[in-house]
C-alpha atoms as a PDB file:
ATOM      1  CA  MET A   1      -9.879  16.829 -12.779  1.00  0.00           C
ATOM      2  CA  ASP A   2      -6.613  16.935 -14.612  1.00  0.00           C
ATOM      3  CA  GLU A   3      -6.282  20.036 -16.780  1.00  0.00           C
ATOM      4  CA  GLN A   4      -5.269  17.838 -19.731  1.00  0.00           C
ATOM      5  CA  HIS A   5      -8.500  15.852 -19.523  1.00  0.00           C
ATOM      6  CA  VAL A   6     -10.475  19.043 -19.939  1.00  0.00           C
ATOM      7  CA  GLY A   7      -8.957  19.297 -23.395  1.00  0.00           C
ATOM      8  CA  ASN A   8      -8.976  22.197 -25.780  1.00  0.00           C
ATOM      9  CA  ASN A   9     -12.728  22.661 -25.449  1.00  0.00           C
ATOM     10  CA  GLN A  10     -12.268  24.878 -22.404  1.00  0.00           C
ATOM     11  CA  ASP A  11     -12.260  28.065 -24.479  1.00  0.00           C
ATOM     12  CA  SER A  12     -15.521  27.263 -26.258  1.00  0.00           C
ATOM     13  CA  SER A  13     -17.255  25.497 -23.368  1.00  0.00           C
ATOM     14  CA  GLU A  14     -19.602  27.273 -20.997  1.00  0.00           C
ATOM     15  CA  THR A  15     -18.861  24.650 -18.344  1.00  0.00           C
ATOM     16  CA  ASN A  16     -17.580  26.073 -15.079  1.00  0.00           C
ATOM     17  CA  TRP A  17     -14.498  23.841 -14.799  1.00  0.00           C
ATOM     18  CA  GLU A  18     -13.381  25.394 -11.516  1.00  0.00           C
ATOM     19  CA  MET A  19     -16.714  24.458  -9.963  1.00  0.00           C
ATOM     20  CA  ILE A  20     -16.432  20.912 -11.379  1.00  0.00           C
ATOM     21  CA  ASP A  21     -12.884  20.613 -10.002  1.00  0.00           C
ATOM     22  CA  ALA A  22     -14.100  21.829  -6.616  1.00  0.00           C
ATOM     23  CA  LEU A  23     -16.864  19.220  -6.341  1.00  0.00           C
ATOM     24  CA  MET A  24     -16.463  17.165  -3.213  1.00  0.00           C
ATOM     25  CA  ASP A  25     -17.262  13.441  -3.174  1.00  0.00           C
ATOM     26  CA  GLU A  26     -20.105  13.948  -0.716  1.00  0.00           C
ATOM     27  CA  THR A  27     -21.824  16.492  -3.009  1.00  0.00           C
ATOM     28  CA  ILE A  28     -22.121  14.111  -5.963  1.00  0.00           C
ATOM     29  CA  ASP A  29     -25.575  12.499  -6.207  1.00  0.00           C
ATOM     30  CA  ARG A  30     -25.189   8.727  -6.368  1.00  0.00           C
ATOM     31  CA  SER A  31     -28.747   7.934  -5.281  1.00  0.00           C
ATOM     32  CA  GLU A  32     -29.498   5.885  -8.389  1.00  0.00           C
ATOM     33  CA  LEU A  33     -26.360   3.736  -8.107  1.00  0.00           C
ATOM     34  CA  PRO A  34     -26.524   0.415  -6.261  1.00  0.00           C
ATOM     35  CA  PRO A  35     -24.336   0.235  -3.188  1.00  0.00           C
ATOM     36  CA  MET A  36     -20.887  -1.178  -3.987  1.00  0.00           C
ATOM     37  CA  ASP A  37     -19.974  -2.339  -0.509  1.00  0.00           C
ATOM     38  CA  ASP A  38     -18.453  -5.668   0.559  1.00  0.00           C
ATOM     39  CA  SER A  39     -21.807  -7.467   0.195  1.00  0.00           C
ATOM     40  CA  PHE A  40     -21.992  -6.354  -3.450  1.00  0.00           C
ATOM     41  CA  PHE A  41     -18.632  -7.934  -4.239  1.00  0.00           C
ATOM     42  CA  THR A  42     -19.389 -11.023  -2.132  1.00  0.00           C
ATOM     43  CA  ARG A  43     -22.432 -11.682  -4.317  1.00  0.00           C
ATOM     44  CA  ALA A  44     -20.593 -10.816  -7.557  1.00  0.00           C
ATOM     45  CA  SER A  45     -19.429 -13.577  -9.845  1.00  0.00           C
ATOM     46  CA  TRP A  46     -16.650 -13.099 -12.377  1.00  0.00           C
ATOM     47  CA  VAL A  47     -17.473 -16.293 -14.240  1.00  0.00           C
ATOM     48  CA  ARG A  48     -21.010 -17.517 -14.820  1.00  0.00           C
ATOM     49  CA  ASP A  49     -21.938 -20.661 -12.917  1.00  0.00           C
ATOM     50  CA  GLU A  50     -23.063 -22.423 -16.105  1.00  0.00           C
ATOM     51  CA  TYR A  51     -19.484 -22.465 -17.428  1.00  0.00           C
ATOM     52  CA  ASP A  52     -17.761 -25.769 -16.790  1.00  0.00           C
ATOM     53  CA  LEU A  53     -14.236 -24.680 -15.893  1.00  0.00           C
ATOM     54  CA  SER A  54     -13.077 -28.298 -15.713  1.00  0.00           C
ATOM     55  CA  GLN A  55     -13.329 -28.357 -19.518  1.00  0.00           C
ATOM     56  CA  LEU A  56     -10.890 -25.479 -19.831  1.00  0.00           C
ATOM     57  CA  LYS A  57      -7.147 -26.070 -19.754  1.00  0.00           C
ATOM     58  CA  GLY A  58      -5.848 -24.469 -16.597  1.00  0.00           C
ATOM     59  CA  GLY A  59      -9.252 -22.883 -15.925  1.00  0.00           C
ATOM     60  CA  VAL A  60      -9.349 -21.157 -12.569  1.00  0.00           C
ATOM     61  CA  ARG A  61     -12.425 -19.337 -11.322  1.00  0.00           C
ATOM     62  CA  GLY A  62     -11.568 -15.618 -10.980  1.00  0.00           C
ATOM     63  CA  LYS A  63      -8.165 -16.015 -12.645  1.00  0.00           C
ATOM     64  CA  TYR A  64      -8.453 -12.661 -14.394  1.00  0.00           C
ATOM     65  CA  ALA A  65     -10.629 -10.988 -11.777  1.00  0.00           C
ATOM     66  CA  GLN A  66      -7.808  -8.902 -10.327  1.00  0.00           C
ATOM     67  CA  ARG A  67      -6.731  -7.652 -13.747  1.00  0.00           C
ATOM     68  CA  VAL A  68     -10.331  -6.872 -14.708  1.00  0.00           C
ATOM     69  CA  TRP A  69     -10.833  -5.113 -11.373  1.00  0.00           C
ATOM     70  CA  GLN A  70      -7.706  -2.990 -11.835  1.00  0.00           C
ATOM     71  CA  ASP A  71      -8.612  -2.107 -15.425  1.00  0.00           C
ATOM     72  CA  THR A  72     -12.193  -1.249 -14.444  1.00  0.00           C
ATOM     73  CA  PHE A  73     -11.401   0.551 -11.197  1.00  0.00           C
ATOM     74  CA  PRO A  74      -7.770   1.679 -11.415  1.00  0.00           C
ATOM     75  CA  MET A  75      -6.231   2.680  -8.107  1.00  0.00           C
ATOM     76  CA  HIS A  76      -4.606   6.078  -7.983  1.00  0.00           C
ATOM     77  CA  PRO A  77      -0.917   5.830  -7.062  1.00  0.00           C
ATOM     78  CA  ASP A  78      -1.511   8.323  -4.219  1.00  0.00           C
ATOM     79  CA  ARG A  79      -4.427   6.353  -2.763  1.00  0.00           C
ATOM     80  CA  GLU A  80      -2.559   5.375   0.422  1.00  0.00           C
ATOM     81  CA  GLN A  81      -1.652   9.004   1.126  1.00  0.00           C
ATOM     82  CA  MET A  82      -5.280  10.049   0.627  1.00  0.00           C
ATOM     83  CA  LEU A  83      -6.422   7.313   3.030  1.00  0.00           C
ATOM     84  CA  ARG A  84      -4.007   8.713   5.633  1.00  0.00           C
ATOM     85  CA  GLU A  85      -5.461  12.205   5.115  1.00  0.00           C
ATOM     86  CA  ILE A  86      -8.978  10.807   5.536  1.00  0.00           C
ATOM     87  CA  GLU A  87      -7.950   9.150   8.810  1.00  0.00           C
ATOM     88  CA  ALA A  88      -6.461  12.445  10.004  1.00  0.00           C
ATOM     89  CA  PHE A  89      -9.741  14.193   9.120  1.00  0.00           C
ATOM     90  CA  LYS A  90     -11.671  11.615  11.150  1.00  0.00           C
ATOM     91  CA  LEU A  91      -9.364  12.063  14.145  1.00  0.00           C
ATOM     92  CA  MET A  92      -9.741  15.855  14.147  1.00  0.00           C
ATOM     93  CA  HIS A  93     -13.441  15.829  13.177  1.00  0.00           C
ATOM     94  CA  ARG A  94     -14.783  16.796  16.621  1.00  0.00           C
ATOM     95  CA  GLN A  95     -12.531  19.861  16.791  1.00  0.00           C
ATOM     96  CA  LEU A  96     -13.288  20.755  13.145  1.00  0.00           C
ATOM     97  CA  VAL A  97     -17.023  20.681  13.903  1.00  0.00           C
ATOM     98  CA  GLN A  98     -16.491  23.092  16.811  1.00  0.00           C
ATOM     99  CA  GLU A  99     -14.341  25.507  14.834  1.00  0.00           C
ATOM    100  CA  HIS A 100     -15.253  25.122  11.137  1.00  0.00           C
ATOM    101  CA  LEU A 101     -18.778  23.666  10.902  1.00  0.00           C
ATOM    102  CA  GLY A 102     -20.196  24.228   7.419  1.00  0.00           C
ATOM    103  CA  GLN A 103     -16.836  25.228   5.977  1.00  0.00           C
ATOM    104  CA  TYR A 104     -14.547  23.339   3.620  1.00  0.00           C
ATOM    105  CA  VAL A 105     -11.218  22.290   5.074  1.00  0.00           C
ATOM    106  CA  ALA A 106      -7.946  21.157   3.545  1.00  0.00           C
ATOM    107  CA  ILE A 107      -5.877  18.456   5.245  1.00  0.00           C
ATOM    108  CA  PHE A 108      -2.250  17.980   4.216  1.00  0.00           C
ATOM    109  CA  GLN A 109       0.154  15.556   5.890  1.00  0.00           C
ATOM    110  CA  GLY A 110      -2.316  15.038   8.713  1.00  0.00           C
ATOM    111  CA  LYS A 111      -2.727  18.735   9.522  1.00  0.00           C
ATOM    112  CA  LEU A 112      -5.374  21.356   8.831  1.00  0.00           C
ATOM    113  CA  VAL A 113      -3.704  23.741   6.377  1.00  0.00           C
ATOM    114  CA  ASP A 114      -6.601  25.880   5.147  1.00  0.00           C
ATOM    115  CA  HIS A 115     -10.363  26.402   5.351  1.00  0.00           C
ATOM    116  CA  ASP A 116     -12.994  28.451   3.541  1.00  0.00           C
ATOM    117  CA  SER A 117     -16.741  28.626   3.072  1.00  0.00           C
ATOM    118  CA  ASP A 118     -16.116  28.766  -0.704  1.00  0.00           C
ATOM    119  CA  PRO A 119     -14.850  25.436  -2.081  1.00  0.00           C
ATOM    120  CA  VAL A 120     -13.600  27.038  -5.316  1.00  0.00           C
ATOM    121  CA  ALA A 121     -11.518  29.624  -3.463  1.00  0.00           C
ATOM    122  CA  LEU A 122     -10.096  26.883  -1.255  1.00  0.00           C
ATOM    123  CA  LEU A 123      -9.233  24.745  -4.274  1.00  0.00           C
ATOM    124  CA  GLN A 124      -7.448  27.644  -5.962  1.00  0.00           C
ATOM    125  CA  ARG A 125      -5.276  28.274  -2.911  1.00  0.00           C
ATOM    126  CA  ILE A 126      -4.547  24.580  -2.441  1.00  0.00           C
ATOM    127  CA  LYS A 127      -3.504  24.183  -6.074  1.00  0.00           C
ATOM    128  CA  GLN A 128      -1.169  27.159  -5.679  1.00  0.00           C
ATOM    129  CA  LYS A 129       0.330  26.221  -2.292  1.00  0.00           C
ATOM    130  CA  TYR A 130       0.524  22.454  -2.793  1.00  0.00           C
ATOM    131  CA  PRO A 131       0.912  21.714  -6.523  1.00  0.00           C
ATOM    132  CA  ASP A 132       0.939  17.986  -7.340  1.00  0.00           C
ATOM    133  CA  GLN A 133       0.419  17.086  -3.662  1.00  0.00           C
ATOM    134  CA  VAL A 134      -2.280  14.955  -2.062  1.00  0.00           C
ATOM    135  CA  VAL A 135      -4.542  17.323  -0.141  1.00  0.00           C
ATOM    136  CA  LEU A 136      -7.899  16.196   1.233  1.00  0.00           C
ATOM    137  CA  ARG A 137     -10.715  18.733   0.879  1.00  0.00           C
ATOM    138  CA  ARG A 138     -13.909  18.063   2.788  1.00  0.00           C
ATOM    139  CA  LYS A 139     -16.919  19.968   4.028  1.00  0.00           C
ATOM    140  CA  VAL A 140     -17.157  19.842   7.806  1.00  0.00           C
ATOM    141  CA  GLU A 141     -20.529  18.434   8.821  1.00  0.00           C
ATOM    142  CA  GLU A 142     -21.812  16.932  12.038  1.00  0.00           C
END
């Protein structure tokens, strides 16, 4: 989470912001959310079927879908770099399981740069060593 988004409430809040920042994607409970895989978007319709687009001047089904998609789910400018780090994690996963099972690891530019059993401690070091850089943090599981 960006420090600015936390706002000025940090002093009066009892929220453990370091713990929130250290949350890993796989630790967030999404059990009540419907799956948003390819089949979800295949079934999705941007314009209701009952609308007669032939009556609209220049009406094109899904014309604004991309803009709506980007506004609703904005892509982070560093997304491609993060995808490369995820691929690197997958490639080294077998070795990580052997050496760091149960620990949190940090992957930067395709290399393991740090690990720790404490995700908050790892995050603090990563923020210090690699400020404003894309660093993947994941828990190593089988």
